[in-house]
Structure formats: structure tokens, C-alpha cells
């Protein structure tokens, strides 16, 4: 399960963040600072997967943009690694160059993230009115 999704520039500034579990704002700031610092300090020859506290971090760098995804222990790192790449390829196809400052990019990003959550097929109250 994905815990969070971050887009970060080379200066370590978070451009976009989305959390799928509740994390206190103060803890988010600390989490982002520590995870981003670890990702930025790694070389291109090092693995793009790392362990952080009770979860794993998968990241990819595209020019000056880092996409960082936090996942639980049971999630497949390679699947998330490919998900990041496919996401960036789609954005490149529609917006030529991926930049986190374009308004269209922001709209598409939030649309994709919003609809990624699982949906229920069954209504809450299954009452038939006759």
C-alpha cells in the first residue's frame, strides 16, 4: 500500500505531497526532511529503494525532479518503480516536459491521485424498496 507520494526538486523543496494515511503535520515535516535528505544524498549508482523506519521508500530522479513514494513492507518495490516511470511518461506525452509548476500538471496529478483510491461496488445500505 502506498503511504505517501512526494515530488521534490533538487534543492530539497517539496513541490507536491499526497498522504494516504493520517500523519500529523509536524511529523510530516520531519518525515519529508529526513526522507528527502536520504534520497538527495544518494548517487545514481546506488539503489533507488531504501528502508526508513517501518516502511520502504522508492524514488526516481527525472532531471531536477525527484518522485518519492513511501510504501509498506509488503508492496513490490519494482512495481512502484515502474508506476513512477509510467506516470512520468504519461505526463511527458501530454505536456511535453514534466514540470511541477504547470497548472495542467497539477490538475492531472490531483485527478489521478483522487481516482486511485479503491471504490466500493456495494452501496452502504443495501435496502430494496418494493
N, C-alpha and C. Protein backbone atom coordinates (compact mmCIF):
# COMPACT_ATOMS: atom_id res chain seq x y z
N UNK A 1 0.84 -1.18 0.00
CA UNK A 1 0.00 0.00 0.00
C UNK A 1 0.89 1.24 0.00
N UNK A 2 0.49 2.21 -0.79
CA UNK A 2 1.23 3.47 -0.85
C UNK A 2 0.87 4.31 0.38
N UNK A 3 1.88 4.80 1.07
CA UNK A 3 1.66 5.64 2.26
C UNK A 3 1.71 7.12 1.90
N UNK A 4 2.63 7.50 1.00
CA UNK A 4 2.71 8.90 0.57
C UNK A 4 3.37 8.99 -0.79
N UNK A 5 3.15 10.12 -1.44
CA UNK A 5 3.68 10.41 -2.77
C UNK A 5 4.22 11.83 -2.72
N UNK A 6 5.51 12.01 -3.01
CA UNK A 6 6.13 13.33 -2.96
C UNK A 6 6.79 13.66 -4.29
N UNK A 7 6.75 14.93 -4.65
CA UNK A 7 7.54 15.44 -5.77
C UNK A 7 8.42 16.52 -5.19
N UNK A 8 9.72 16.39 -5.41
CA UNK A 8 10.70 17.25 -4.77
C UNK A 8 11.69 17.75 -5.81
N UNK A 9 12.14 19.01 -5.68
CA UNK A 9 13.18 19.49 -6.58
C UNK A 9 14.56 19.18 -6.00
N UNK A 10 15.62 19.51 -6.77
CA UNK A 10 16.98 19.19 -6.33
C UNK A 10 17.41 19.96 -5.09
N UNK A 11 16.74 21.07 -4.81
CA UNK A 11 17.07 21.85 -3.61
C UNK A 11 16.43 21.25 -2.36
N UNK A 12 15.64 20.22 -2.53
CA UNK A 12 15.00 19.56 -1.40
C UNK A 12 13.66 20.15 -1.02
N UNK A 13 13.11 21.01 -1.87
CA UNK A 13 11.81 21.63 -1.59
C UNK A 13 10.70 20.72 -2.10
N UNK A 14 9.74 20.45 -1.26
CA UNK A 14 8.60 19.63 -1.66
C UNK A 14 7.68 20.46 -2.55
N UNK A 15 7.42 19.96 -3.75
CA UNK A 15 6.54 20.66 -4.68
C UNK A 15 5.11 20.14 -4.59
N UNK A 16 4.97 18.86 -4.40
CA UNK A 16 3.65 18.25 -4.24
C UNK A 16 3.78 17.12 -3.22
N UNK A 17 2.75 16.97 -2.41
CA UNK A 17 2.74 15.84 -1.48
C UNK A 17 1.32 15.34 -1.32
N UNK A 18 1.21 14.04 -1.21
CA UNK A 18 -0.09 13.41 -1.00
C UNK A 18 0.11 12.26 -0.03
N UNK A 19 -0.68 12.24 1.04
CA UNK A 19 -0.57 11.20 2.06
C UNK A 19 -1.84 10.36 2.06
N UNK A 20 -1.67 9.04 2.18
CA UNK A 20 -2.80 8.12 2.20
C UNK A 20 -3.09 7.59 3.59
N UNK A 21 -2.32 8.01 4.56
CA UNK A 21 -2.55 7.72 5.98
C UNK A 21 -2.42 9.03 6.72
N UNK A 22 -3.14 9.15 7.82
CA UNK A 22 -3.03 10.38 8.60
C UNK A 22 -1.68 10.43 9.29
N UNK A 23 -0.99 11.53 9.06
CA UNK A 23 0.27 11.81 9.75
C UNK A 23 0.19 13.27 10.19
N UNK A 24 0.47 13.51 11.45
CA UNK A 24 0.45 14.86 12.00
C UNK A 24 1.35 15.78 11.17
N UNK A 25 0.94 17.04 11.01
CA UNK A 25 1.68 17.99 10.18
C UNK A 25 3.13 18.14 10.62
N UNK A 26 3.37 18.19 11.92
CA UNK A 26 4.74 18.31 12.41
C UNK A 26 5.56 17.07 12.03
N UNK A 27 4.95 15.89 12.16
CA UNK A 27 5.65 14.65 11.80
C UNK A 27 5.88 14.56 10.29
N UNK A 28 4.95 15.11 9.50
CA UNK A 28 5.12 15.13 8.04
C UNK A 28 6.37 15.93 7.67
N UNK A 29 6.52 17.07 8.30
CA UNK A 29 7.66 17.93 8.02
C UNK A 29 8.97 17.21 8.31
N UNK A 30 9.03 16.55 9.45
CA UNK A 30 10.23 15.80 9.82
C UNK A 30 10.45 14.63 8.87
N UNK A 31 9.39 13.90 8.57
CA UNK A 31 9.46 12.75 7.66
C UNK A 31 9.99 13.18 6.30
N UNK A 32 9.39 14.24 5.74
CA UNK A 32 9.81 14.72 4.42
C UNK A 32 11.27 15.15 4.44
N UNK A 33 11.67 15.90 5.45
CA UNK A 33 13.05 16.37 5.52
C UNK A 33 14.04 15.21 5.56
N UNK A 34 13.76 14.21 6.38
CA UNK A 34 14.68 13.07 6.51
C UNK A 34 14.71 12.20 5.26
N UNK A 35 13.54 11.91 4.71
CA UNK A 35 13.47 11.06 3.51
C UNK A 35 14.11 11.77 2.32
N UNK A 36 13.79 13.04 2.15
CA UNK A 36 14.35 13.79 1.02
C UNK A 36 15.87 13.89 1.15
N UNK A 37 16.35 14.12 2.35
CA UNK A 37 17.79 14.22 2.58
C UNK A 37 18.48 12.91 2.18
N UNK A 38 17.88 11.78 2.55
CA UNK A 38 18.45 10.48 2.19
C UNK A 38 18.46 10.27 0.67
N UNK A 39 17.36 10.64 0.01
CA UNK A 39 17.27 10.45 -1.45
C UNK A 39 18.26 11.35 -2.19
N UNK A 40 18.36 12.60 -1.77
CA UNK A 40 19.26 13.54 -2.45
C UNK A 40 20.73 13.19 -2.25
N UNK A 41 21.05 12.56 -1.14
CA UNK A 41 22.46 12.26 -0.84
C UNK A 41 22.96 11.01 -1.56
N UNK A 42 22.06 10.25 -2.16
CA UNK A 42 22.46 9.01 -2.82
C UNK A 42 22.97 9.30 -4.23
N UNK A 43 23.91 8.47 -4.70
CA UNK A 43 24.43 8.62 -6.05
C UNK A 43 23.56 7.85 -7.03
N UNK A 44 23.77 8.09 -8.32
CA UNK A 44 22.99 7.40 -9.34
C UNK A 44 23.31 5.91 -9.40
N UNK A 45 24.49 5.53 -8.91
CA UNK A 45 24.88 4.12 -8.91
C UNK A 45 24.21 3.34 -7.78
N UNK A 46 23.69 4.03 -6.79
CA UNK A 46 23.05 3.35 -5.66
C UNK A 46 21.61 2.97 -6.02
N UNK A 47 21.10 2.00 -5.30
CA UNK A 47 19.73 1.51 -5.50
C UNK A 47 18.71 2.61 -5.19
N UNK A 48 17.60 2.59 -5.89
CA UNK A 48 16.54 3.58 -5.68
C UNK A 48 15.52 3.14 -4.64
N UNK A 49 15.84 2.11 -3.89
CA UNK A 49 14.98 1.65 -2.80
C UNK A 49 15.75 1.80 -1.50
N UNK A 50 15.08 2.27 -0.47
CA UNK A 50 15.73 2.33 0.83
C UNK A 50 14.70 2.10 1.93
N UNK A 51 15.19 1.69 3.06
CA UNK A 51 14.33 1.42 4.22
C UNK A 51 14.35 2.64 5.13
N UNK A 52 13.18 3.03 5.60
CA UNK A 52 13.08 4.15 6.53
C UNK A 52 12.06 3.79 7.60
N UNK A 53 12.49 3.68 8.81
CA UNK A 53 11.65 3.31 9.96
C UNK A 53 10.84 2.06 9.64
N UNK A 54 9.50 2.18 9.59
CA UNK A 54 8.66 1.00 9.40
C UNK A 54 8.13 0.86 7.97
N UNK A 55 8.74 1.54 7.01
CA UNK A 55 8.31 1.41 5.62
C UNK A 55 9.49 1.54 4.68
N UNK A 56 9.21 1.32 3.39
CA UNK A 56 10.23 1.41 2.35
C UNK A 56 10.00 2.69 1.54
N UNK A 57 11.06 3.19 0.95
CA UNK A 57 10.98 4.37 0.10
C UNK A 57 11.50 3.98 -1.28
N UNK A 58 10.72 4.33 -2.30
CA UNK A 58 11.12 4.12 -3.69
C UNK A 58 11.15 5.50 -4.34
N UNK A 59 12.24 5.81 -5.04
CA UNK A 59 12.31 7.12 -5.67
C UNK A 59 12.94 7.01 -7.05
N UNK A 60 12.66 8.01 -7.87
CA UNK A 60 13.28 8.13 -9.20
C UNK A 60 13.57 9.58 -9.44
N UNK A 61 14.67 9.84 -10.14
CA UNK A 61 15.03 11.21 -10.47
C UNK A 61 14.81 11.44 -11.96
N UNK A 62 14.16 12.55 -12.28
CA UNK A 62 13.96 12.98 -13.65
C UNK A 62 14.44 14.42 -13.73
N UNK A 63 15.63 14.62 -14.32
CA UNK A 63 16.26 15.95 -14.40
C UNK A 63 16.36 16.53 -13.00
N UNK A 64 15.67 17.64 -12.75
CA UNK A 64 15.75 18.29 -11.43
C UNK A 64 14.60 17.89 -10.51
N UNK A 65 13.84 16.88 -10.91
CA UNK A 65 12.66 16.48 -10.17
C UNK A 65 12.83 15.07 -9.60
N UNK A 66 12.56 14.91 -8.32
CA UNK A 66 12.57 13.60 -7.68
C UNK A 66 11.13 13.23 -7.35
N UNK A 67 10.76 12.00 -7.68
CA UNK A 67 9.46 11.48 -7.27
C UNK A 67 9.75 10.41 -6.22
N UNK A 68 9.17 10.60 -5.04
CA UNK A 68 9.44 9.74 -3.89
C UNK A 68 8.13 9.13 -3.42
N UNK A 69 8.11 7.81 -3.27
CA UNK A 69 6.90 7.11 -2.84
C UNK A 69 7.24 6.26 -1.62
N UNK A 70 6.46 6.42 -0.57
CA UNK A 70 6.60 5.60 0.62
C UNK A 70 5.61 4.45 0.56
N UNK A 71 6.08 3.24 0.80
CA UNK A 71 5.21 2.06 0.71
C UNK A 71 5.40 1.19 1.95
N UNK A 72 4.43 0.30 2.19
CA UNK A 72 4.57 -0.61 3.32
C UNK A 72 5.50 -1.77 2.95
N UNK A 73 5.77 -2.63 3.91
CA UNK A 73 6.74 -3.71 3.73
C UNK A 73 6.31 -4.76 2.71
N UNK A 74 5.00 -4.92 2.49
CA UNK A 74 4.53 -5.98 1.60
C UNK A 74 4.44 -5.55 0.14
N UNK A 75 4.54 -4.28 -0.14
CA UNK A 75 4.42 -3.77 -1.51
C UNK A 75 5.66 -4.13 -2.33
N UNK A 76 5.46 -4.35 -3.61
CA UNK A 76 6.55 -4.70 -4.52
C UNK A 76 7.27 -3.43 -4.97
N UNK A 77 8.55 -3.31 -4.65
CA UNK A 77 9.32 -2.11 -4.97
C UNK A 77 9.43 -1.88 -6.48
N UNK A 78 9.66 -2.95 -7.23
CA UNK A 78 9.80 -2.81 -8.69
C UNK A 78 8.50 -2.35 -9.34
N UNK A 79 7.37 -2.81 -8.83
CA UNK A 79 6.09 -2.38 -9.37
C UNK A 79 5.89 -0.88 -9.14
N UNK A 80 6.25 -0.39 -7.98
CA UNK A 80 6.13 1.04 -7.67
C UNK A 80 7.14 1.83 -8.50
N UNK A 81 8.34 1.29 -8.69
CA UNK A 81 9.36 1.94 -9.50
C UNK A 81 8.85 2.13 -10.93
N UNK A 82 8.21 1.10 -11.48
CA UNK A 82 7.64 1.18 -12.82
C UNK A 82 6.41 2.10 -12.86
N UNK A 83 5.62 2.10 -11.80
CA UNK A 83 4.47 3.00 -11.71
C UNK A 83 4.92 4.45 -11.82
N UNK A 84 5.99 4.80 -11.12
CA UNK A 84 6.53 6.16 -11.19
C UNK A 84 6.93 6.48 -12.63
N UNK A 85 7.63 5.56 -13.27
CA UNK A 85 8.09 5.80 -14.64
C UNK A 85 6.92 5.95 -15.61
N UNK A 86 5.92 5.09 -15.49
CA UNK A 86 4.74 5.18 -16.36
C UNK A 86 4.01 6.50 -16.14
N UNK A 87 3.90 6.93 -14.91
CA UNK A 87 3.25 8.20 -14.58
C UNK A 87 3.98 9.35 -15.27
N UNK A 88 5.29 9.37 -15.20
CA UNK A 88 6.07 10.44 -15.82
C UNK A 88 5.99 10.37 -17.34
N UNK A 89 5.97 9.17 -17.91
CA UNK A 89 5.83 9.03 -19.36
C UNK A 89 4.50 9.60 -19.85
N UNK A 90 3.43 9.33 -19.12
CA UNK A 90 2.12 9.88 -19.49
C UNK A 90 2.15 11.41 -19.43
N UNK A 91 2.73 11.95 -18.38
CA UNK A 91 2.82 13.41 -18.26
C UNK A 91 3.67 14.00 -19.38
N UNK A 92 4.78 13.34 -19.72
CA UNK A 92 5.62 13.82 -20.82
C UNK A 92 4.86 13.81 -22.14
N UNK A 93 4.08 12.78 -22.37
CA UNK A 93 3.34 12.67 -23.62
C UNK A 93 2.33 13.80 -23.77
N UNK A 94 1.64 14.14 -22.69
CA UNK A 94 0.59 15.15 -22.77
C UNK A 94 1.08 16.57 -22.56
N UNK A 95 2.17 16.76 -21.83
CA UNK A 95 2.63 18.11 -21.51
C UNK A 95 4.05 18.38 -21.97
N UNK A 96 4.60 17.63 -22.87
CA UNK A 96 5.94 17.72 -23.44
C UNK A 96 7.05 17.58 -22.39
N UNK A 97 7.20 18.50 -21.45
CA UNK A 97 8.23 18.37 -20.41
C UNK A 97 7.55 18.40 -19.06
N UNK A 98 7.90 17.46 -18.21
CA UNK A 98 7.29 17.38 -16.89
C UNK A 98 7.88 18.46 -16.00
N UNK A 99 7.03 19.37 -15.58
CA UNK A 99 7.44 20.42 -14.65
C UNK A 99 6.34 20.55 -13.60
N UNK A 100 6.70 20.59 -12.35
CA UNK A 100 5.67 20.67 -11.31
C UNK A 100 5.05 22.05 -11.16
N UNK A 101 5.35 22.98 -12.08
CA UNK A 101 4.79 24.33 -11.97
C UNK A 101 3.64 24.56 -12.94
N UNK A 102 3.45 23.66 -13.89
CA UNK A 102 2.37 23.85 -14.86
C UNK A 102 1.02 23.57 -14.22
N UNK A 103 0.03 24.46 -14.42
CA UNK A 103 -1.29 24.22 -13.82
C UNK A 103 -1.95 22.94 -14.34
N UNK A 104 -1.76 22.62 -15.62
CA UNK A 104 -2.36 21.40 -16.17
C UNK A 104 -1.79 20.17 -15.47
N UNK A 105 -0.50 20.23 -15.19
CA UNK A 105 0.15 19.12 -14.50
C UNK A 105 -0.46 18.92 -13.12
N UNK A 106 -0.67 20.01 -12.41
CA UNK A 106 -1.24 19.92 -11.07
C UNK A 106 -2.65 19.33 -11.12
N UNK A 107 -3.45 19.78 -12.08
CA UNK A 107 -4.81 19.26 -12.21
C UNK A 107 -4.80 17.76 -12.51
N UNK A 108 -3.97 17.36 -13.46
CA UNK A 108 -3.91 15.95 -13.81
C UNK A 108 -3.40 15.12 -12.63
N UNK A 109 -2.39 15.64 -11.94
CA UNK A 109 -1.84 14.93 -10.79
C UNK A 109 -2.93 14.67 -9.75
N UNK A 110 -3.67 15.69 -9.36
CA UNK A 110 -4.70 15.53 -8.33
C UNK A 110 -5.84 14.65 -8.83
N UNK A 111 -6.16 14.73 -10.12
CA UNK A 111 -7.19 13.87 -10.68
C UNK A 111 -6.78 12.41 -10.58
N UNK A 112 -5.56 12.10 -11.00
CA UNK A 112 -5.08 10.72 -10.95
C UNK A 112 -5.01 10.19 -9.52
N UNK A 113 -4.51 11.00 -8.62
CA UNK A 113 -4.38 10.56 -7.23
C UNK A 113 -5.76 10.36 -6.59
N UNK A 114 -6.69 11.26 -6.88
CA UNK A 114 -8.03 11.15 -6.29
C UNK A 114 -8.70 9.86 -6.75
N UNK A 115 -8.58 9.52 -8.00
CA UNK A 115 -9.26 8.34 -8.53
C UNK A 115 -8.48 7.06 -8.32
N UNK A 116 -7.32 7.12 -7.75
CA UNK A 116 -6.53 5.92 -7.47
C UNK A 116 -7.10 5.15 -6.28
N UNK A 117 -7.78 5.84 -5.39
CA UNK A 117 -8.30 5.18 -4.19
C UNK A 117 -9.33 4.12 -4.58
N UNK A 118 -9.35 3.01 -3.88
CA UNK A 118 -10.30 1.95 -4.22
C UNK A 118 -11.75 2.38 -3.99
N UNK A 119 -12.60 1.92 -4.84
CA UNK A 119 -14.02 2.25 -4.75
C UNK A 119 -14.79 1.02 -4.25
N UNK A 120 -15.89 1.29 -3.60
CA UNK A 120 -16.77 0.19 -3.19
C UNK A 120 -17.78 -0.06 -4.30
N UNK A 121 -18.01 -1.30 -4.59
CA UNK A 121 -19.00 -1.66 -5.59
C UNK A 121 -20.39 -1.75 -4.98
N UNK A 122 -20.44 -1.92 -3.68
CA UNK A 122 -21.69 -2.12 -2.99
C UNK A 122 -22.06 -0.86 -2.22
N UNK A 123 -23.32 -0.41 -2.31
CA UNK A 123 -23.72 0.74 -1.51
C UNK A 123 -23.71 0.41 -0.02
N UNK A 124 -23.62 1.44 0.80
CA UNK A 124 -23.58 1.26 2.25
C UNK A 124 -24.83 0.55 2.77
N UNK A 125 -25.97 1.06 2.38
CA UNK A 125 -27.24 0.45 2.82
C UNK A 125 -27.86 -0.28 1.64
N UNK A 126 -27.91 -1.55 1.73
CA UNK A 126 -28.42 -2.36 0.64
C UNK A 126 -29.89 -2.70 0.91
N UNK A 127 -30.75 -1.69 0.92
CA UNK A 127 -32.16 -1.88 1.23
C UNK A 127 -32.97 -1.76 -0.06
N UNK A 128 -33.76 -2.77 -0.35
CA UNK A 128 -34.60 -2.73 -1.53
C UNK A 128 -35.97 -2.19 -1.16
N UNK A 129 -36.42 -1.20 -1.90
CA UNK A 129 -37.76 -0.65 -1.68
C UNK A 129 -38.71 -1.25 -2.69
N UNK A 130 -39.77 -1.89 -2.20
CA UNK A 130 -40.74 -2.53 -3.10
C UNK A 130 -42.05 -1.81 -3.01
